[in-house]
Full PDB file with SEQRES, HELIX, SHEET, SSBOND, CRYST1, ORIGX, SCALE, CONECT and MASTER records, all heavy atoms in Angstrom:
SEQRES   1 A   36  MET THR LEU ALA GLY MET SER GLY GLU VAL LEU LEU ALA          
SEQRES   2 A   36  VAL GLY ALA GLY PHE LEU VAL GLY MET GLY CYS ALA PHE          
SEQRES   3 A   36  ALA GLU GLY ALA ILE PHE ALA GLN VAL PRO                      
HELIX    1 AA1 THR A    2  SER A    7  1                                   6    
HELIX    2 AA2 VAL A   10  GLN A   34  1                                  25    
CRYST1    1.000    1.000    1.000  90.00  90.00  90.00 P 1           1          
ORIGX1      1.000000  0.000000  0.000000        0.00000                         
ORIGX2      0.000000  1.000000  0.000000        0.00000                         
ORIGX3      0.000000  0.000000  1.000000        0.00000                         
SCALE1      1.000000  0.000000  0.000000        0.00000                         
SCALE2      0.000000  1.000000  0.000000        0.00000                         
SCALE3      0.000000  0.000000  1.000000        0.00000                         
ATOM      1  N   MET A   1      -3.548  -2.518   6.934  1.00  0.00           N  
ATOM      2  CA  MET A   1      -2.922  -3.700   6.771  1.00  0.00           C  
ATOM      3  C   MET A   1      -2.898  -4.542   8.049  1.00  0.00           C  
ATOM      4  O   MET A   1      -3.198  -5.883   8.031  1.00  0.00           O  
ATOM      5  CB  MET A   1      -1.426  -3.486   6.412  1.00  0.00           C  
ATOM      6  CG  MET A   1      -0.639  -4.648   5.945  1.00  0.00           C  
ATOM      7  SD  MET A   1      -0.896  -5.008   4.286  1.00  0.00           S  
ATOM      8  CE  MET A   1       0.017  -6.630   4.090  1.00  0.00           C  
ATOM      9  N   THR A   2      -2.812  -3.973   9.229  1.00  0.00           N  
ATOM     10  CA  THR A   2      -2.963  -4.717  10.520  1.00  0.00           C  
ATOM     11  C   THR A   2      -4.316  -5.186  10.662  1.00  0.00           C  
ATOM     12  O   THR A   2      -4.509  -6.407  11.068  1.00  0.00           O  
ATOM     13  CB  THR A   2      -2.465  -3.864  11.665  1.00  0.00           C  
ATOM     14  OG1 THR A   2      -1.144  -3.574  11.622  1.00  0.00           O  
ATOM     15  CG2 THR A   2      -2.829  -4.505  13.039  1.00  0.00           C  
ATOM     16  N   LEU A   3      -5.335  -4.326  10.408  1.00  0.00           N  
ATOM     17  CA  LEU A   3      -6.740  -4.714  10.626  1.00  0.00           C  
ATOM     18  C   LEU A   3      -7.135  -5.858   9.684  1.00  0.00           C  
ATOM     19  O   LEU A   3      -7.728  -6.851  10.101  1.00  0.00           O  
ATOM     20  CB  LEU A   3      -7.639  -3.579  10.467  1.00  0.00           C  
ATOM     21  CG  LEU A   3      -7.557  -2.486  11.425  1.00  0.00           C  
ATOM     22  CD1 LEU A   3      -8.387  -1.271  11.046  1.00  0.00           C  
ATOM     23  CD2 LEU A   3      -7.837  -2.933  12.784  1.00  0.00           C  
ATOM     24  N   ALA A   4      -6.633  -5.841   8.365  1.00  0.00           N  
ATOM     25  CA  ALA A   4      -7.017  -6.844   7.443  1.00  0.00           C  
ATOM     26  C   ALA A   4      -6.278  -8.093   7.921  1.00  0.00           C  
ATOM     27  O   ALA A   4      -6.996  -9.236   7.772  1.00  0.00           O  
ATOM     28  CB  ALA A   4      -6.461  -6.421   6.032  1.00  0.00           C  
ATOM     29  N   GLY A   5      -5.028  -8.061   8.328  1.00  0.00           N  
ATOM     30  CA  GLY A   5      -4.274  -9.394   8.671  1.00  0.00           C  
ATOM     31  C   GLY A   5      -4.926  -9.982   9.860  1.00  0.00           C  
ATOM     32  O   GLY A   5      -5.222 -11.205   9.981  1.00  0.00           O  
ATOM     33  N   MET A   6      -5.492  -9.205  10.883  1.00  0.00           N  
ATOM     34  CA  MET A   6      -6.041  -9.793  12.105  1.00  0.00           C  
ATOM     35  C   MET A   6      -7.401 -10.388  11.816  1.00  0.00           C  
ATOM     36  O   MET A   6      -8.028 -11.081  12.713  1.00  0.00           O  
ATOM     37  CB  MET A   6      -6.174  -8.655  13.159  1.00  0.00           C  
ATOM     38  CG  MET A   6      -4.802  -8.338  13.710  1.00  0.00           C  
ATOM     39  SD  MET A   6      -4.694  -7.001  15.006  1.00  0.00           S  
ATOM     40  CE  MET A   6      -5.384  -7.957  16.280  1.00  0.00           C  
ATOM     41  N   SER A   7      -8.005 -10.050  10.629  1.00  0.00           N  
ATOM     42  CA  SER A   7      -9.295 -10.600  10.248  1.00  0.00           C  
ATOM     43  C   SER A   7      -9.144 -12.097  10.016  1.00  0.00           C  
ATOM     44  O   SER A   7     -10.128 -12.872  10.012  1.00  0.00           O  
ATOM     45  CB  SER A   7      -9.839  -9.930   9.049  1.00  0.00           C  
ATOM     46  OG  SER A   7      -9.175 -10.262   7.921  1.00  0.00           O  
ATOM     47  N   GLY A   8      -7.960 -12.557   9.690  1.00  0.00           N  
ATOM     48  CA  GLY A   8      -7.698 -13.907   9.369  1.00  0.00           C  
ATOM     49  C   GLY A   8      -7.942 -14.283   7.949  1.00  0.00           C  
ATOM     50  O   GLY A   8      -7.758 -15.420   7.412  1.00  0.00           O  
ATOM     51  N   GLU A   9      -8.399 -13.272   7.081  1.00  0.00           N  
ATOM     52  CA  GLU A   9      -8.690 -13.524   5.636  1.00  0.00           C  
ATOM     53  C   GLU A   9      -7.641 -13.140   4.909  1.00  0.00           C  
ATOM     54  O   GLU A   9      -7.236 -11.964   4.678  1.00  0.00           O  
ATOM     55  CB  GLU A   9     -10.019 -12.722   5.322  1.00  0.00           C  
ATOM     56  CG  GLU A   9     -11.238 -13.070   6.073  1.00  0.00           C  
ATOM     57  CD  GLU A   9     -11.718 -14.492   5.707  1.00  0.00           C  
ATOM     58  OE1 GLU A   9     -11.442 -14.961   4.586  1.00  0.00           O  
ATOM     59  OE2 GLU A   9     -12.388 -15.013   6.546  1.00  0.00           O  
ATOM     60  N   VAL A  10      -6.907 -14.117   4.234  1.00  0.00           N  
ATOM     61  CA  VAL A  10      -5.711 -13.845   3.493  1.00  0.00           C  
ATOM     62  C   VAL A  10      -5.932 -12.946   2.232  1.00  0.00           C  
ATOM     63  O   VAL A  10      -5.124 -12.043   2.043  1.00  0.00           O  
ATOM     64  CB  VAL A  10      -5.011 -15.164   3.090  1.00  0.00           C  
ATOM     65  CG1 VAL A  10      -5.930 -15.914   2.060  1.00  0.00           C  
ATOM     66  CG2 VAL A  10      -3.657 -14.744   2.402  1.00  0.00           C  
ATOM     67  N   LEU A  11      -7.039 -13.122   1.626  1.00  0.00           N  
ATOM     68  CA  LEU A  11      -7.298 -12.241   0.435  1.00  0.00           C  
ATOM     69  C   LEU A  11      -7.632 -10.882   0.866  1.00  0.00           C  
ATOM     70  O   LEU A  11      -7.273  -9.921   0.101  1.00  0.00           O  
ATOM     71  CB  LEU A  11      -8.611 -12.872  -0.410  1.00  0.00           C  
ATOM     72  CG  LEU A  11      -8.330 -14.150  -1.000  1.00  0.00           C  
ATOM     73  CD1 LEU A  11      -9.516 -14.626  -1.784  1.00  0.00           C  
ATOM     74  CD2 LEU A  11      -7.125 -14.124  -1.811  1.00  0.00           C  
ATOM     75  N   LEU A  12      -8.237 -10.508   1.997  1.00  0.00           N  
ATOM     76  CA  LEU A  12      -8.366  -9.292   2.490  1.00  0.00           C  
ATOM     77  C   LEU A  12      -7.043  -8.589   2.848  1.00  0.00           C  
ATOM     78  O   LEU A  12      -6.793  -7.458   2.474  1.00  0.00           O  
ATOM     79  CB  LEU A  12      -9.271  -9.319   3.798  1.00  0.00           C  
ATOM     80  CG  LEU A  12      -9.719  -7.868   4.343  1.00  0.00           C  
ATOM     81  CD1 LEU A  12     -10.523  -7.149   3.204  1.00  0.00           C  
ATOM     82  CD2 LEU A  12     -10.414  -8.057   5.642  1.00  0.00           C  
ATOM     83  N   ALA A  13      -6.078  -9.355   3.358  1.00  0.00           N  
ATOM     84  CA  ALA A  13      -4.729  -8.925   3.648  1.00  0.00           C  
ATOM     85  C   ALA A  13      -4.063  -8.595   2.358  1.00  0.00           C  
ATOM     86  O   ALA A  13      -3.256  -7.679   2.224  1.00  0.00           O  
ATOM     87  CB  ALA A  13      -3.955  -9.988   4.451  1.00  0.00           C  
ATOM     88  N   VAL A  14      -4.208  -9.452   1.270  1.00  0.00           N  
ATOM     89  CA  VAL A  14      -3.584  -9.133   0.031  1.00  0.00           C  
ATOM     90  C   VAL A  14      -4.173  -7.851  -0.627  1.00  0.00           C  
ATOM     91  O   VAL A  14      -3.387  -7.154  -1.062  1.00  0.00           O  
ATOM     92  CB  VAL A  14      -3.871 -10.423  -0.973  1.00  0.00           C  
ATOM     93  CG1 VAL A  14      -3.378  -9.967  -2.398  1.00  0.00           C  
ATOM     94  CG2 VAL A  14      -3.162 -11.574  -0.494  1.00  0.00           C  
ATOM     95  N   GLY A  15      -5.401  -7.675  -0.424  1.00  0.00           N  
ATOM     96  CA  GLY A  15      -5.932  -6.422  -0.850  1.00  0.00           C  
ATOM     97  C   GLY A  15      -5.459  -5.174  -0.214  1.00  0.00           C  
ATOM     98  O   GLY A  15      -5.214  -4.175  -0.751  1.00  0.00           O  
ATOM     99  N   ALA A  16      -5.313  -5.300   1.194  1.00  0.00           N  
ATOM    100  CA  ALA A  16      -4.699  -4.237   1.942  1.00  0.00           C  
ATOM    101  C   ALA A  16      -3.326  -3.887   1.487  1.00  0.00           C  
ATOM    102  O   ALA A  16      -2.807  -2.760   1.385  1.00  0.00           O  
ATOM    103  CB  ALA A  16      -4.819  -4.495   3.426  1.00  0.00           C  
ATOM    104  N   GLY A  17      -2.603  -5.035   1.248  1.00  0.00           N  
ATOM    105  CA  GLY A  17      -1.089  -4.878   0.740  1.00  0.00           C  
ATOM    106  C   GLY A  17      -1.145  -4.170  -0.553  1.00  0.00           C  
ATOM    107  O   GLY A  17      -0.155  -3.267  -0.774  1.00  0.00           O  
ATOM    108  N   PHE A  18      -2.057  -4.462  -1.438  1.00  0.00           N  
ATOM    109  CA  PHE A  18      -2.192  -3.708  -2.691  1.00  0.00           C  
ATOM    110  C   PHE A  18      -2.322  -2.250  -2.405  1.00  0.00           C  
ATOM    111  O   PHE A  18      -1.803  -1.411  -3.183  1.00  0.00           O  
ATOM    112  CB  PHE A  18      -3.306  -4.271  -3.552  1.00  0.00           C  
ATOM    113  CG  PHE A  18      -3.442  -3.633  -4.899  1.00  0.00           C  
ATOM    114  CD1 PHE A  18      -2.768  -4.303  -6.022  1.00  0.00           C  
ATOM    115  CD2 PHE A  18      -4.145  -2.550  -5.224  1.00  0.00           C  
ATOM    116  CE1 PHE A  18      -2.765  -3.677  -7.323  1.00  0.00           C  
ATOM    117  CE2 PHE A  18      -4.241  -1.943  -6.421  1.00  0.00           C  
ATOM    118  CZ  PHE A  18      -3.628  -2.571  -7.494  1.00  0.00           C  
ATOM    119  N   LEU A  19      -3.268  -1.847  -1.601  1.00  0.00           N  
ATOM    120  CA  LEU A  19      -3.506  -0.499  -1.193  1.00  0.00           C  
ATOM    121  C   LEU A  19      -2.221   0.299  -0.690  1.00  0.00           C  
ATOM    122  O   LEU A  19      -1.917   1.437  -1.072  1.00  0.00           O  
ATOM    123  CB  LEU A  19      -4.709  -0.255  -0.291  1.00  0.00           C  
ATOM    124  CG  LEU A  19      -5.955  -0.557  -0.822  1.00  0.00           C  
ATOM    125  CD1 LEU A  19      -7.065  -0.432   0.287  1.00  0.00           C  
ATOM    126  CD2 LEU A  19      -6.352   0.196  -1.981  1.00  0.00           C  
ATOM    127  N   VAL A  20      -1.448  -0.500   0.186  1.00  0.00           N  
ATOM    128  CA  VAL A  20      -0.209   0.128   0.651  1.00  0.00           C  
ATOM    129  C   VAL A  20       0.772   0.300  -0.497  1.00  0.00           C  
ATOM    130  O   VAL A  20       1.442   1.333  -0.644  1.00  0.00           O  
ATOM    131  CB  VAL A  20       0.464  -0.811   1.733  1.00  0.00           C  
ATOM    132  CG1 VAL A  20       1.782  -0.339   2.099  1.00  0.00           C  
ATOM    133  CG2 VAL A  20      -0.474  -0.920   2.905  1.00  0.00           C  
ATOM    134  N   GLY A  21       0.853  -0.633  -1.429  1.00  0.00           N  
ATOM    135  CA  GLY A  21       1.701  -0.593  -2.607  1.00  0.00           C  
ATOM    136  C   GLY A  21       1.256   0.651  -3.431  1.00  0.00           C  
ATOM    137  O   GLY A  21       2.150   1.340  -3.902  1.00  0.00           O  
ATOM    138  N   MET A  22      -0.097   0.880  -3.567  1.00  0.00           N  
ATOM    139  CA  MET A  22      -0.561   1.974  -4.412  1.00  0.00           C  
ATOM    140  C   MET A  22      -0.126   3.341  -3.724  1.00  0.00           C  
ATOM    141  O   MET A  22       0.331   4.233  -4.413  1.00  0.00           O  
ATOM    142  CB  MET A  22      -2.034   1.929  -4.463  1.00  0.00           C  
ATOM    143  CG  MET A  22      -2.629   3.013  -5.426  1.00  0.00           C  
ATOM    144  SD  MET A  22      -4.463   2.777  -5.576  1.00  0.00           S  
ATOM    145  CE  MET A  22      -4.988   3.181  -4.015  1.00  0.00           C  
ATOM    146  N   GLY A  23      -0.154   3.371  -2.363  1.00  0.00           N  
ATOM    147  CA  GLY A  23       0.201   4.580  -1.758  1.00  0.00           C  
ATOM    148  C   GLY A  23       1.669   4.846  -1.922  1.00  0.00           C  
ATOM    149  O   GLY A  23       2.128   6.048  -2.071  1.00  0.00           O  
ATOM    150  N   CYS A  24       2.446   3.826  -1.803  1.00  0.00           N  
ATOM    151  CA  CYS A  24       3.841   3.970  -1.940  1.00  0.00           C  
ATOM    152  C   CYS A  24       4.253   4.476  -3.385  1.00  0.00           C  
ATOM    153  O   CYS A  24       5.045   5.381  -3.625  1.00  0.00           O  
ATOM    154  CB  CYS A  24       4.601   2.636  -1.697  1.00  0.00           C  
ATOM    155  SG  CYS A  24       4.646   2.100   0.020  1.00  0.00           S  
ATOM    156  N   ALA A  25       3.463   3.947  -4.312  1.00  0.00           N  
ATOM    157  CA  ALA A  25       3.697   4.347  -5.721  1.00  0.00           C  
ATOM    158  C   ALA A  25       3.441   5.785  -5.921  1.00  0.00           C  
ATOM    159  O   ALA A  25       4.199   6.543  -6.584  1.00  0.00           O  
ATOM    160  CB  ALA A  25       2.941   3.376  -6.701  1.00  0.00           C  
ATOM    161  N   PHE A  26       2.343   6.211  -5.479  1.00  0.00           N  
ATOM    162  CA  PHE A  26       1.962   7.642  -5.771  1.00  0.00           C  
ATOM    163  C   PHE A  26       2.894   8.628  -4.994  1.00  0.00           C  
ATOM    164  O   PHE A  26       3.276   9.611  -5.617  1.00  0.00           O  
ATOM    165  CB  PHE A  26       0.599   7.889  -5.173  1.00  0.00           C  
ATOM    166  CG  PHE A  26      -0.581   7.236  -5.993  1.00  0.00           C  
ATOM    167  CD1 PHE A  26      -1.868   7.138  -5.534  1.00  0.00           C  
ATOM    168  CD2 PHE A  26      -0.223   6.644  -7.241  1.00  0.00           C  
ATOM    169  CE1 PHE A  26      -2.852   6.574  -6.295  1.00  0.00           C  
ATOM    170  CE2 PHE A  26      -1.355   5.954  -7.926  1.00  0.00           C  
ATOM    171  CZ  PHE A  26      -2.576   5.998  -7.475  1.00  0.00           C  
ATOM    172  N   ALA A  27       3.229   8.255  -3.796  1.00  0.00           N  
ATOM    173  CA  ALA A  27       4.187   9.107  -2.906  1.00  0.00           C  
ATOM    174  C   ALA A  27       5.610   9.118  -3.672  1.00  0.00           C  
ATOM    175  O   ALA A  27       6.269  10.169  -3.705  1.00  0.00           O  
ATOM    176  CB  ALA A  27       4.233   8.589  -1.556  1.00  0.00           C  
ATOM    177  N   GLU A  28       6.085   7.987  -3.986  1.00  0.00           N  
ATOM    178  CA  GLU A  28       7.422   7.904  -4.545  1.00  0.00           C  
ATOM    179  C   GLU A  28       7.460   8.691  -5.939  1.00  0.00           C  
ATOM    180  O   GLU A  28       8.510   9.363  -6.184  1.00  0.00           O  
ATOM    181  CB  GLU A  28       7.866   6.389  -4.845  1.00  0.00           C  
ATOM    182  CG  GLU A  28       8.064   5.665  -3.495  1.00  0.00           C  
ATOM    183  CD  GLU A  28       7.915   4.173  -3.746  1.00  0.00           C  
ATOM    184  OE1 GLU A  28       8.047   3.729  -4.912  1.00  0.00           O  
ATOM    185  OE2 GLU A  28       7.988   3.441  -2.698  1.00  0.00           O  
ATOM    186  N   GLY A  29       6.505   8.485  -6.739  1.00  0.00           N  
ATOM    187  CA  GLY A  29       6.461   9.181  -8.006  1.00  0.00           C  
ATOM    188  C   GLY A  29       6.419  10.713  -7.739  1.00  0.00           C  
ATOM    189  O   GLY A  29       7.070  11.523  -8.404  1.00  0.00           O  
ATOM    190  N   ALA A  30       5.734  11.181  -6.765  1.00  0.00           N  
ATOM    191  CA  ALA A  30       5.691  12.670  -6.430  1.00  0.00           C  
ATOM    192  C   ALA A  30       7.012  13.112  -5.893  1.00  0.00           C  
ATOM    193  O   ALA A  30       7.431  14.166  -6.311  1.00  0.00           O  
ATOM    194  CB  ALA A  30       4.553  12.788  -5.365  1.00  0.00           C  
ATOM    195  N   ILE A  31       7.584  12.309  -5.096  1.00  0.00           N  
ATOM    196  CA  ILE A  31       8.913  12.749  -4.427  1.00  0.00           C  
ATOM    197  C   ILE A  31       9.964  12.861  -5.601  1.00  0.00           C  
ATOM    198  O   ILE A  31      10.722  13.847  -5.620  1.00  0.00           O  
ATOM    199  CB  ILE A  31       9.432  11.618  -3.465  1.00  0.00           C  
ATOM    200  CG1 ILE A  31       8.492  11.783  -2.185  1.00  0.00           C  
ATOM    201  CG2 ILE A  31      10.807  11.836  -3.077  1.00  0.00           C  
ATOM    202  CD1 ILE A  31       8.711  10.547  -1.287  1.00  0.00           C  
ATOM    203  N   PHE A  32       9.961  11.917  -6.482  1.00  0.00           N  
ATOM    204  CA  PHE A  32      11.076  12.007  -7.627  1.00  0.00           C  
ATOM    205  C   PHE A  32      10.609  12.842  -8.768  1.00  0.00           C  
ATOM    206  O   PHE A  32      11.324  12.932  -9.740  1.00  0.00           O  
ATOM    207  CB  PHE A  32      11.618  10.627  -7.948  1.00  0.00           C  
ATOM    208  CG  PHE A  32      12.809  10.358  -7.005  1.00  0.00           C  
ATOM    209  CD1 PHE A  32      12.621   9.593  -5.898  1.00  0.00           C  
ATOM    210  CD2 PHE A  32      14.025  10.794  -7.410  1.00  0.00           C  
ATOM    211  CE1 PHE A  32      13.708   9.339  -5.096  1.00  0.00           C  
ATOM    212  CE2 PHE A  32      15.100  10.540  -6.566  1.00  0.00           C  
ATOM    213  CZ  PHE A  32      14.939   9.781  -5.436  1.00  0.00           C  
ATOM    214  N   ALA A  33       9.418  13.452  -8.649  1.00  0.00           N  
ATOM    215  CA  ALA A  33       9.081  14.522  -9.630  1.00  0.00           C  
ATOM    216  C   ALA A  33       9.688  15.822  -8.933  1.00  0.00           C  
ATOM    217  O   ALA A  33      10.149  16.656  -9.705  1.00  0.00           O  
ATOM    218  CB  ALA A  33       7.604  14.743  -9.734  1.00  0.00           C  
ATOM    219  N   GLN A  34       9.759  15.867  -7.669  1.00  0.00           N  
ATOM    220  CA  GLN A  34      10.261  17.149  -7.037  1.00  0.00           C  
ATOM    221  C   GLN A  34      11.810  17.129  -7.083  1.00  0.00           C  
ATOM    222  O   GLN A  34      12.369  18.289  -7.276  1.00  0.00           O  
ATOM    223  CB  GLN A  34       9.885  17.237  -5.621  1.00  0.00           C  
ATOM    224  CG  GLN A  34       8.410  17.599  -5.343  1.00  0.00           C  
ATOM    225  CD  GLN A  34       8.025  17.804  -3.892  1.00  0.00           C  
ATOM    226  OE1 GLN A  34       7.260  17.072  -3.247  1.00  0.00           O  
ATOM    227  NE2 GLN A  34       8.731  18.702  -3.281  1.00  0.00           N  
ATOM    228  N   VAL A  35      12.557  16.040  -7.025  1.00  0.00           N  
ATOM    229  CA  VAL A  35      13.926  16.061  -6.863  1.00  0.00           C  
ATOM    230  C   VAL A  35      14.660  16.704  -8.054  1.00  0.00           C  
ATOM    231  O   VAL A  35      15.374  17.736  -7.880  1.00  0.00           O  
ATOM    232  CB  VAL A  35      14.411  14.632  -6.654  1.00  0.00           C  
ATOM    233  CG1 VAL A  35      16.013  14.560  -6.891  1.00  0.00           C  
ATOM    234  CG2 VAL A  35      14.161  14.082  -5.299  1.00  0.00           C  
ATOM    235  N   PRO A  36      14.425  16.333  -9.301  1.00  0.00           N  
ATOM    236  CA  PRO A  36      15.098  16.972 -10.405  1.00  0.00           C  
ATOM    237  C   PRO A  36      14.604  18.348 -10.698  1.00  0.00           C  
ATOM    238  O   PRO A  36      15.265  19.195 -11.234  1.00  0.00           O  
ATOM    239  CB  PRO A  36      15.021  16.036 -11.608  1.00  0.00           C  
ATOM    240  CG  PRO A  36      13.759  15.172 -11.291  1.00  0.00           C  
ATOM    241  CD  PRO A  36      13.731  15.090  -9.739  1.00  0.00           C  
TER     242      PRO A  36                                                      
MASTER        0    0    0    2    0    0    0    6  241    1    0    3          
END                                                                             
């Protein structure tokens, strides 16, 4: 996300943000499969 932002390309930063969101989604789903 930092590297994409420093490129100055907003669409590249948006794409990087999407990947961060995807990682959050997968990890959160895994965590709350374990809890119950």
